N, C-alpha and C. Protein backbone atom coordinates (compact mmCIF):
# COMPACT_ATOMS: atom_id res chain seq x y z
N UNK A 1 19.34 16.35 43.05
CA UNK A 1 18.86 16.25 41.68
C UNK A 1 19.19 17.55 40.96
N UNK A 2 19.83 17.49 39.79
CA UNK A 2 20.14 18.72 39.04
C UNK A 2 18.86 19.42 38.59
N UNK A 3 18.98 20.74 38.44
CA UNK A 3 17.88 21.59 37.98
C UNK A 3 18.38 22.48 36.86
N UNK A 4 17.49 22.82 35.95
CA UNK A 4 17.80 23.78 34.90
C UNK A 4 16.63 24.75 34.80
N UNK A 5 16.92 26.05 34.68
CA UNK A 5 15.89 27.08 34.53
C UNK A 5 16.21 27.96 33.34
N UNK A 6 15.15 28.35 32.65
CA UNK A 6 15.29 29.31 31.55
C UNK A 6 14.14 30.29 31.66
N UNK A 7 14.47 31.59 31.70
CA UNK A 7 13.45 32.64 31.84
C UNK A 7 13.56 33.62 30.69
N UNK A 8 12.40 34.09 30.23
CA UNK A 8 12.36 35.10 29.17
C UNK A 8 11.23 36.07 29.43
N UNK A 9 11.50 37.35 29.19
CA UNK A 9 10.44 38.36 29.21
C UNK A 9 9.77 38.35 27.85
N UNK A 10 8.46 38.41 27.85
CA UNK A 10 7.70 38.40 26.60
C UNK A 10 6.81 39.63 26.52
N UNK A 11 6.61 40.18 25.31
CA UNK A 11 5.88 41.43 25.16
C UNK A 11 4.35 41.26 25.07
N UNK A 12 3.84 40.26 25.74
CA UNK A 12 2.39 40.00 25.73
C UNK A 12 1.95 39.59 27.14
N UNK A 13 0.67 39.72 27.44
CA UNK A 13 0.19 39.32 28.77
C UNK A 13 0.35 37.81 29.02
N UNK A 14 0.43 37.46 30.28
CA UNK A 14 0.59 36.07 30.73
C UNK A 14 -0.45 35.15 30.10
N UNK A 15 -1.69 35.59 30.03
CA UNK A 15 -2.76 34.75 29.49
C UNK A 15 -2.50 34.39 28.03
N UNK A 16 -1.94 35.31 27.27
CA UNK A 16 -1.64 35.03 25.86
C UNK A 16 -0.55 33.97 25.73
N UNK A 17 0.42 33.98 26.63
CA UNK A 17 1.49 32.98 26.61
C UNK A 17 0.92 31.61 26.95
N UNK A 18 0.08 31.55 27.97
CA UNK A 18 -0.53 30.28 28.34
C UNK A 18 -1.41 29.76 27.21
N UNK A 19 -2.25 30.63 26.64
CA UNK A 19 -3.14 30.22 25.55
C UNK A 19 -2.34 29.70 24.36
N UNK A 20 -1.22 30.34 24.03
CA UNK A 20 -0.37 29.88 22.92
C UNK A 20 0.08 28.45 23.18
N UNK A 21 0.53 28.15 24.41
CA UNK A 21 0.99 26.80 24.74
C UNK A 21 -0.14 25.78 24.68
N UNK A 22 -1.37 26.20 24.94
CA UNK A 22 -2.50 25.27 24.99
C UNK A 22 -3.07 24.95 23.60
N UNK A 23 -2.70 25.71 22.60
CA UNK A 23 -3.28 25.52 21.26
C UNK A 23 -2.58 24.41 20.48
N UNK A 24 -3.35 23.79 19.56
CA UNK A 24 -2.72 22.82 18.66
C UNK A 24 -1.60 23.52 17.88
N UNK A 25 -0.54 22.86 17.67
CA UNK A 25 0.58 23.44 16.94
C UNK A 25 1.74 23.85 17.83
N UNK A 26 1.47 24.16 19.11
CA UNK A 26 2.54 24.62 19.99
C UNK A 26 3.59 23.53 20.20
N UNK A 27 3.14 22.30 20.38
CA UNK A 27 4.08 21.20 20.59
C UNK A 27 5.06 21.10 19.42
N UNK A 28 4.55 21.22 18.19
CA UNK A 28 5.42 21.15 17.01
C UNK A 28 6.30 22.38 16.88
N UNK A 29 5.77 23.56 17.24
CA UNK A 29 6.57 24.79 17.15
C UNK A 29 7.76 24.74 18.12
N UNK A 30 7.61 24.02 19.22
CA UNK A 30 8.66 23.97 20.24
C UNK A 30 9.69 22.89 20.00
N UNK A 31 9.53 22.12 18.94
CA UNK A 31 10.47 21.04 18.62
C UNK A 31 11.52 21.55 17.63
N UNK A 32 12.78 21.67 18.05
CA UNK A 32 13.82 22.20 17.17
C UNK A 32 14.04 21.32 15.95
N UNK A 33 14.28 21.92 14.80
CA UNK A 33 14.45 21.15 13.57
C UNK A 33 15.71 20.29 13.57
N UNK A 34 16.70 20.62 14.38
CA UNK A 34 17.94 19.84 14.39
C UNK A 34 17.83 18.57 15.23
N UNK A 35 16.80 18.44 16.03
CA UNK A 35 16.68 17.26 16.88
C UNK A 35 16.07 16.11 16.09
N UNK A 36 16.67 14.95 16.23
CA UNK A 36 16.20 13.74 15.56
C UNK A 36 15.20 13.02 16.47
N UNK A 37 14.02 13.63 16.60
CA UNK A 37 12.99 13.11 17.49
C UNK A 37 11.79 12.71 16.65
N UNK A 38 11.30 11.51 16.87
CA UNK A 38 10.10 11.04 16.17
C UNK A 38 8.92 11.18 17.13
N UNK A 39 7.90 11.90 16.68
CA UNK A 39 6.69 12.06 17.49
C UNK A 39 5.77 10.88 17.20
N UNK A 40 5.52 10.07 18.21
CA UNK A 40 4.63 8.92 18.08
C UNK A 40 3.20 9.35 18.41
N UNK A 41 3.05 10.19 19.44
CA UNK A 41 1.73 10.68 19.84
C UNK A 41 1.88 12.08 20.40
N UNK A 42 1.13 13.04 19.84
CA UNK A 42 1.13 14.40 20.36
C UNK A 42 0.15 14.49 21.52
N UNK A 43 0.41 15.35 22.48
CA UNK A 43 -0.57 15.53 23.54
C UNK A 43 -1.83 16.18 22.97
N UNK A 44 -2.98 15.80 23.47
CA UNK A 44 -4.24 16.34 22.95
C UNK A 44 -4.60 17.66 23.62
N UNK A 45 -3.77 18.16 24.48
CA UNK A 45 -4.00 19.41 25.20
C UNK A 45 -3.12 19.44 26.43
N UNK A 46 -3.42 20.36 27.32
CA UNK A 46 -2.63 20.49 28.54
C UNK A 46 -3.29 19.85 29.75
N UNK A 47 -4.44 19.23 29.56
CA UNK A 47 -5.17 18.67 30.68
C UNK A 47 -4.34 17.59 31.39
N UNK A 48 -4.57 17.48 32.69
CA UNK A 48 -3.89 16.46 33.48
C UNK A 48 -4.21 15.08 32.91
N UNK A 49 -3.17 14.28 32.71
CA UNK A 49 -3.31 12.94 32.17
C UNK A 49 -3.01 12.82 30.69
N UNK A 50 -2.98 13.95 29.94
CA UNK A 50 -2.63 13.85 28.52
C UNK A 50 -1.14 13.54 28.41
N UNK A 51 -0.80 12.83 27.34
CA UNK A 51 0.58 12.35 27.17
C UNK A 51 1.15 12.69 25.80
N UNK A 52 2.46 12.86 25.79
CA UNK A 52 3.23 12.93 24.55
C UNK A 52 4.12 11.69 24.55
N UNK A 53 4.20 11.04 23.39
CA UNK A 53 5.06 9.86 23.26
C UNK A 53 6.04 10.14 22.11
N UNK A 54 7.32 10.04 22.43
CA UNK A 54 8.38 10.32 21.47
C UNK A 54 9.32 9.13 21.38
N UNK A 55 10.10 9.09 20.30
CA UNK A 55 11.23 8.16 20.18
C UNK A 55 12.44 9.06 19.99
N UNK A 56 13.38 8.98 20.94
CA UNK A 56 14.54 9.87 20.94
C UNK A 56 15.82 9.06 20.82
N UNK A 57 16.83 9.64 20.18
CA UNK A 57 18.11 8.92 20.09
C UNK A 57 18.84 8.92 21.43
N UNK A 58 19.35 7.77 21.79
CA UNK A 58 20.21 7.61 22.96
C UNK A 58 21.39 6.78 22.48
N UNK A 59 22.48 7.48 22.17
CA UNK A 59 23.62 6.80 21.55
C UNK A 59 23.18 6.25 20.20
N UNK A 60 23.53 5.02 19.88
CA UNK A 60 23.15 4.44 18.59
C UNK A 60 21.71 3.87 18.57
N UNK A 61 21.00 3.98 19.69
CA UNK A 61 19.66 3.40 19.82
C UNK A 61 18.60 4.48 19.90
N UNK A 62 17.34 4.06 19.81
CA UNK A 62 16.22 4.97 20.01
C UNK A 62 15.45 4.49 21.23
N UNK A 63 15.05 5.44 22.06
CA UNK A 63 14.35 5.12 23.31
C UNK A 63 12.99 5.81 23.29
N UNK A 64 12.01 5.11 23.79
CA UNK A 64 10.66 5.67 23.91
C UNK A 64 10.64 6.62 25.11
N UNK A 65 10.04 7.81 24.91
CA UNK A 65 9.92 8.80 25.98
C UNK A 65 8.45 9.15 26.11
N UNK A 66 7.89 8.88 27.28
CA UNK A 66 6.48 9.20 27.55
C UNK A 66 6.46 10.29 28.61
N UNK A 67 5.88 11.43 28.26
CA UNK A 67 5.73 12.54 29.21
C UNK A 67 4.24 12.76 29.43
N UNK A 68 3.85 12.89 30.69
CA UNK A 68 2.43 13.05 31.04
C UNK A 68 2.23 14.36 31.80
N UNK A 69 1.17 15.09 31.41
CA UNK A 69 0.83 16.30 32.16
C UNK A 69 0.25 15.89 33.51
N UNK A 70 0.85 16.41 34.57
CA UNK A 70 0.45 16.00 35.91
C UNK A 70 -0.16 17.13 36.73
N UNK A 71 -0.02 18.36 36.26
CA UNK A 71 -0.57 19.50 37.01
C UNK A 71 -0.92 20.59 36.02
N UNK A 72 -2.02 21.29 36.30
CA UNK A 72 -2.48 22.37 35.44
C UNK A 72 -3.04 23.48 36.32
N UNK A 73 -2.52 24.69 36.15
CA UNK A 73 -3.07 25.89 36.75
C UNK A 73 -3.47 26.78 35.58
N UNK A 74 -4.73 26.70 35.11
CA UNK A 74 -5.12 27.44 33.91
C UNK A 74 -4.70 28.92 33.95
N UNK A 75 -4.08 29.34 32.86
CA UNK A 75 -3.61 30.71 32.74
C UNK A 75 -2.27 30.99 33.41
N UNK A 76 -1.75 30.03 34.19
CA UNK A 76 -0.53 30.29 34.95
C UNK A 76 0.59 29.28 34.72
N UNK A 77 0.26 27.97 34.74
CA UNK A 77 1.33 26.97 34.71
C UNK A 77 0.79 25.60 34.33
N UNK A 78 1.71 24.76 33.88
CA UNK A 78 1.42 23.34 33.71
C UNK A 78 2.73 22.58 33.89
N UNK A 79 2.59 21.29 34.15
CA UNK A 79 3.77 20.48 34.45
C UNK A 79 3.66 19.14 33.75
N UNK A 80 4.79 18.65 33.29
CA UNK A 80 4.82 17.28 32.77
C UNK A 80 5.95 16.51 33.43
N UNK A 81 5.72 15.21 33.55
CA UNK A 81 6.65 14.30 34.21
C UNK A 81 6.93 13.14 33.27
N UNK A 82 8.18 12.73 33.21
CA UNK A 82 8.54 11.55 32.41
C UNK A 82 7.99 10.31 33.10
N UNK A 83 7.21 9.52 32.36
CA UNK A 83 6.71 8.24 32.87
C UNK A 83 7.58 7.09 32.39
N UNK A 84 8.23 7.32 31.26
CA UNK A 84 9.13 6.32 30.67
C UNK A 84 10.09 7.10 29.79
N UNK A 85 11.38 6.76 29.82
CA UNK A 85 12.29 7.49 28.95
C UNK A 85 13.74 7.38 29.33
N UNK A 86 14.55 8.28 28.74
CA UNK A 86 16.00 8.18 28.87
C UNK A 86 16.55 8.68 30.20
N UNK A 87 15.76 9.42 30.97
CA UNK A 87 16.24 9.95 32.25
C UNK A 87 15.80 9.04 33.39
N UNK A 88 16.57 9.07 34.48
CA UNK A 88 16.15 8.35 35.68
C UNK A 88 14.94 9.08 36.29
N UNK A 89 14.88 10.41 36.13
CA UNK A 89 13.75 11.22 36.58
C UNK A 89 13.72 12.50 35.76
N UNK A 90 12.52 13.04 35.53
CA UNK A 90 12.36 14.27 34.75
C UNK A 90 11.03 14.91 35.14
N UNK A 91 11.09 16.14 35.62
CA UNK A 91 9.89 16.94 35.92
C UNK A 91 10.10 18.31 35.30
N UNK A 92 9.13 18.76 34.49
CA UNK A 92 9.26 20.02 33.76
C UNK A 92 8.07 20.90 34.08
N UNK A 93 8.34 22.04 34.72
CA UNK A 93 7.29 23.02 35.01
C UNK A 93 7.42 24.18 34.05
N UNK A 94 6.28 24.55 33.44
CA UNK A 94 6.18 25.71 32.55
C UNK A 94 5.36 26.74 33.34
N UNK A 95 5.93 27.90 33.65
CA UNK A 95 5.21 28.89 34.45
C UNK A 95 5.20 30.23 33.73
N UNK A 96 4.04 30.89 33.73
CA UNK A 96 3.87 32.20 33.13
C UNK A 96 3.44 33.17 34.23
N UNK A 97 4.15 34.29 34.38
CA UNK A 97 3.79 35.30 35.38
C UNK A 97 3.66 36.65 34.71
N UNK A 98 2.81 37.48 35.28
CA UNK A 98 2.62 38.83 34.73
C UNK A 98 3.82 39.69 35.07
N UNK A 99 4.14 40.60 34.15
CA UNK A 99 5.20 41.58 34.33
C UNK A 99 4.65 42.91 33.85
N UNK A 100 3.62 43.38 34.52
CA UNK A 100 2.89 44.56 34.08
C UNK A 100 1.68 44.15 33.27
N UNK A 101 0.89 45.11 32.81
CA UNK A 101 -0.36 44.78 32.12
C UNK A 101 -0.18 44.19 30.71
N UNK A 102 0.96 44.45 30.07
CA UNK A 102 1.14 44.03 28.68
C UNK A 102 2.40 43.19 28.47
N UNK A 103 2.93 42.61 29.54
CA UNK A 103 4.14 41.79 29.41
C UNK A 103 4.09 40.66 30.42
N UNK A 104 4.97 39.70 30.21
CA UNK A 104 4.99 38.53 31.09
C UNK A 104 6.38 37.93 31.10
N UNK A 105 6.54 36.95 32.00
CA UNK A 105 7.77 36.18 32.07
C UNK A 105 7.40 34.71 31.90
N UNK A 106 8.10 34.06 31.00
CA UNK A 106 7.96 32.63 30.79
C UNK A 106 9.16 31.97 31.46
N UNK A 107 8.88 31.01 32.35
CA UNK A 107 9.96 30.30 33.01
C UNK A 107 9.74 28.79 32.88
N UNK A 108 10.77 28.13 32.40
CA UNK A 108 10.78 26.67 32.35
C UNK A 108 11.76 26.20 33.40
N UNK A 109 11.32 25.25 34.22
CA UNK A 109 12.20 24.64 35.21
C UNK A 109 12.15 23.13 35.04
N UNK A 110 13.33 22.55 34.89
CA UNK A 110 13.43 21.10 34.74
C UNK A 110 14.27 20.57 35.89
N UNK A 111 13.71 19.61 36.60
CA UNK A 111 14.44 18.85 37.60
C UNK A 111 14.63 17.47 36.99
N UNK A 112 15.87 17.00 36.92
CA UNK A 112 16.14 15.74 36.23
C UNK A 112 17.26 14.98 36.93
N UNK A 113 17.29 13.71 36.64
CA UNK A 113 18.38 12.86 37.12
C UNK A 113 18.77 11.95 35.96
N UNK A 114 20.05 11.86 35.70
CA UNK A 114 20.56 10.96 34.66
C UNK A 114 20.64 9.54 35.21
N UNK A 115 20.56 8.55 34.34
CA UNK A 115 20.72 7.17 34.80
C UNK A 115 22.11 6.96 35.41
N UNK A 116 22.21 5.98 36.25
CA UNK A 116 23.48 5.59 36.87
C UNK A 116 24.10 6.71 37.71
N UNK A 117 23.25 7.52 38.36
CA UNK A 117 23.78 8.61 39.19
C UNK A 117 24.62 8.02 40.31
N UNK A 118 25.69 8.62 40.69
CA UNK A 118 26.30 9.87 40.22
C UNK A 118 27.20 9.69 39.00
N UNK A 119 27.46 8.46 38.59
CA UNK A 119 28.31 8.22 37.42
C UNK A 119 27.71 8.89 36.17
N UNK A 120 26.40 8.80 36.00
CA UNK A 120 25.74 9.41 34.86
C UNK A 120 25.94 10.91 34.83
N UNK A 121 25.87 11.54 36.00
CA UNK A 121 26.11 12.99 36.08
C UNK A 121 27.53 13.33 35.67
N UNK A 122 28.48 12.53 36.11
CA UNK A 122 29.88 12.77 35.79
C UNK A 122 30.14 12.58 34.30
N UNK A 123 29.56 11.52 33.71
CA UNK A 123 29.80 11.23 32.30
C UNK A 123 29.02 12.13 31.34
N UNK A 124 27.76 12.43 31.67
CA UNK A 124 26.92 13.14 30.70
C UNK A 124 26.33 14.44 31.17
N UNK A 125 26.63 14.85 32.40
CA UNK A 125 26.01 16.05 32.95
C UNK A 125 26.24 17.31 32.14
N UNK A 126 27.47 17.56 31.72
CA UNK A 126 27.79 18.78 30.96
C UNK A 126 27.11 18.76 29.60
N UNK A 127 27.07 17.59 28.97
CA UNK A 127 26.44 17.47 27.67
C UNK A 127 24.93 17.72 27.75
N UNK A 128 24.29 17.16 28.75
CA UNK A 128 22.85 17.37 28.92
C UNK A 128 22.56 18.84 29.19
N UNK A 129 23.37 19.47 29.99
CA UNK A 129 23.19 20.89 30.30
C UNK A 129 23.27 21.74 29.03
N UNK A 130 24.27 21.48 28.18
CA UNK A 130 24.41 22.21 26.91
C UNK A 130 23.20 22.00 26.02
N UNK A 131 22.72 20.76 25.95
CA UNK A 131 21.55 20.46 25.13
C UNK A 131 20.31 21.19 25.65
N UNK A 132 20.14 21.25 26.96
CA UNK A 132 19.01 21.99 27.54
C UNK A 132 19.12 23.48 27.23
N UNK A 133 20.31 24.03 27.32
CA UNK A 133 20.50 25.45 27.01
C UNK A 133 20.13 25.75 25.56
N UNK A 134 20.57 24.91 24.62
CA UNK A 134 20.22 25.11 23.21
C UNK A 134 18.73 24.95 22.98
N UNK A 135 18.16 23.91 23.55
CA UNK A 135 16.73 23.63 23.38
C UNK A 135 15.87 24.78 23.88
N UNK A 136 16.15 25.28 25.08
CA UNK A 136 15.28 26.31 25.64
C UNK A 136 15.56 27.69 25.07
N UNK A 137 16.76 27.94 24.59
CA UNK A 137 17.00 29.18 23.84
C UNK A 137 16.14 29.17 22.58
N UNK A 138 16.11 28.05 21.88
CA UNK A 138 15.27 27.92 20.68
C UNK A 138 13.79 28.06 21.04
N UNK A 139 13.34 27.34 22.05
CA UNK A 139 11.92 27.34 22.41
C UNK A 139 11.44 28.74 22.81
N UNK A 140 12.22 29.42 23.63
CA UNK A 140 11.79 30.75 24.08
C UNK A 140 11.85 31.77 22.94
N UNK A 141 12.83 31.67 22.07
CA UNK A 141 12.90 32.57 20.91
C UNK A 141 11.71 32.34 19.99
N UNK A 142 11.39 31.08 19.71
CA UNK A 142 10.25 30.75 18.85
C UNK A 142 8.95 31.25 19.46
N UNK A 143 8.77 31.02 20.74
CA UNK A 143 7.56 31.47 21.43
C UNK A 143 7.43 32.98 21.33
N UNK A 144 8.50 33.72 21.62
CA UNK A 144 8.46 35.18 21.58
C UNK A 144 8.16 35.69 20.17
N UNK A 145 8.81 35.11 19.17
CA UNK A 145 8.57 35.55 17.79
C UNK A 145 7.13 35.28 17.36
N UNK A 146 6.62 34.10 17.67
CA UNK A 146 5.24 33.77 17.31
C UNK A 146 4.26 34.72 17.99
N UNK A 147 4.46 34.96 19.28
CA UNK A 147 3.55 35.82 20.02
C UNK A 147 3.58 37.26 19.49
N UNK A 148 4.76 37.74 19.12
CA UNK A 148 4.86 39.09 18.53
C UNK A 148 4.08 39.16 17.21
N UNK A 149 4.28 38.15 16.36
CA UNK A 149 3.59 38.16 15.06
C UNK A 149 2.08 38.02 15.24
N UNK A 150 1.64 37.15 16.14
CA UNK A 150 0.20 36.99 16.37
C UNK A 150 -0.39 38.26 16.98
N UNK A 151 0.34 38.94 17.86
CA UNK A 151 -0.15 40.18 18.46
C UNK A 151 -0.29 41.27 17.41
N UNK A 152 0.63 41.29 16.45
CA UNK A 152 0.54 42.27 15.36
C UNK A 152 -0.71 42.09 14.53
N UNK A 153 -1.14 40.84 14.39
CA UNK A 153 -2.37 40.58 13.63
C UNK A 153 -3.59 41.06 14.40
N UNK A 154 -3.43 41.23 15.73
CA UNK A 154 -4.49 41.77 16.56
C UNK A 154 -5.72 40.89 16.59
N UNK A 155 -6.83 41.53 16.70
CA UNK A 155 -8.12 40.83 16.80
C UNK A 155 -8.79 40.73 15.43
N UNK A 156 -8.00 40.52 14.40
CA UNK A 156 -8.56 40.35 13.06
C UNK A 156 -9.51 39.15 13.06
N UNK A 157 -10.46 39.19 12.17
CA UNK A 157 -11.41 38.07 12.14
C UNK A 157 -10.68 36.80 11.72
N UNK A 158 -11.15 35.66 12.22
CA UNK A 158 -10.48 34.39 11.91
C UNK A 158 -10.45 34.12 10.41
N UNK A 159 -9.39 33.51 9.96
CA UNK A 159 -9.24 33.14 8.56
C UNK A 159 -9.44 31.64 8.40
N UNK A 160 -9.91 31.26 7.26
CA UNK A 160 -9.96 29.85 6.88
C UNK A 160 -8.90 29.69 5.81
N UNK A 161 -7.95 28.80 6.05
CA UNK A 161 -6.82 28.66 5.15
C UNK A 161 -6.80 27.25 4.59
N UNK A 162 -6.67 27.15 3.28
CA UNK A 162 -6.46 25.87 2.62
C UNK A 162 -5.01 25.86 2.17
N UNK A 163 -4.28 24.87 2.62
CA UNK A 163 -2.85 24.83 2.33
C UNK A 163 -2.51 23.52 1.65
N UNK A 164 -2.03 23.62 0.41
CA UNK A 164 -1.55 22.43 -0.30
C UNK A 164 -0.07 22.27 0.04
N UNK A 165 0.36 21.05 0.28
CA UNK A 165 1.75 20.82 0.62
C UNK A 165 2.04 21.11 2.08
N UNK A 166 1.06 20.90 2.94
CA UNK A 166 1.20 21.19 4.36
C UNK A 166 2.22 20.32 5.08
N UNK A 167 2.65 19.24 4.47
CA UNK A 167 3.64 18.38 5.14
C UNK A 167 5.04 18.58 4.55
N UNK A 168 5.19 19.52 3.64
CA UNK A 168 6.50 19.82 3.07
C UNK A 168 7.33 20.69 3.99
N UNK A 169 8.45 21.16 3.49
CA UNK A 169 9.39 21.94 4.29
C UNK A 169 8.73 23.20 4.86
N UNK A 170 8.07 23.98 4.04
CA UNK A 170 7.45 25.23 4.51
C UNK A 170 6.15 24.93 5.25
N UNK A 171 5.33 24.06 4.69
CA UNK A 171 4.04 23.75 5.30
C UNK A 171 4.16 23.16 6.69
N UNK A 172 5.18 22.34 6.92
CA UNK A 172 5.33 21.70 8.23
C UNK A 172 5.67 22.72 9.32
N UNK A 173 6.16 23.89 8.96
CA UNK A 173 6.39 24.97 9.93
C UNK A 173 5.22 25.95 9.95
N UNK A 174 4.62 26.18 8.78
CA UNK A 174 3.53 27.16 8.66
C UNK A 174 2.26 26.70 9.36
N UNK A 175 1.88 25.44 9.18
CA UNK A 175 0.64 24.94 9.78
C UNK A 175 0.66 25.06 11.31
N UNK A 176 1.69 24.58 12.01
CA UNK A 176 1.70 24.77 13.47
C UNK A 176 1.71 26.26 13.87
N UNK A 177 2.42 27.10 13.12
CA UNK A 177 2.42 28.54 13.43
C UNK A 177 1.02 29.10 13.34
N UNK A 178 0.30 28.78 12.27
CA UNK A 178 -1.06 29.30 12.12
C UNK A 178 -1.98 28.76 13.22
N UNK A 179 -1.81 27.50 13.59
CA UNK A 179 -2.65 26.90 14.64
C UNK A 179 -2.44 27.55 15.99
N UNK A 180 -1.21 28.01 16.28
CA UNK A 180 -0.97 28.66 17.56
C UNK A 180 -1.53 30.08 17.61
N UNK A 181 -1.99 30.59 16.47
CA UNK A 181 -2.57 31.92 16.42
C UNK A 181 -3.95 32.01 17.02
N UNK A 182 -4.58 30.88 17.21
CA UNK A 182 -5.89 30.87 17.84
C UNK A 182 -7.00 30.55 16.88
N UNK A 183 -8.20 30.46 17.44
CA UNK A 183 -9.35 30.07 16.61
C UNK A 183 -9.74 31.13 15.62
């Protein structure tokens, strides 16, 4: 089964990285704007059994993709598995490890199998690999930038924000960013 890994050093403690992923808004922040993905149901958290339901393009068609959280190590890792979707198999582990008192490493590992293996690997393997590289470069860059900005705000008292136009171009990015900042 093919595997893909992406690792990034982050300038914040491991717990901050995990907490960022657990907050409302993280799922939307990690979705690249160039992907034509329809979110049918967002996960309600990282707890085991929560699901994300998407509709993703597969050639000229759209396919339902259901990912379920199957493992949770609070503060350290969580995992989701495809229950229904475009892959023959998909397991995604998100792991956060400490790298000193004020830094961490975020590692995503995906084990996947394309349909019609080994023919699927031969026909689409390189394309899927490129898409994973683009996706995780975006996700890790976004995570690092958000965490840097939130860390700069420090332990400021919580704000209450009223935002008109929250579903527009700017609001649809701003609302998830603010939500990942914490309570």
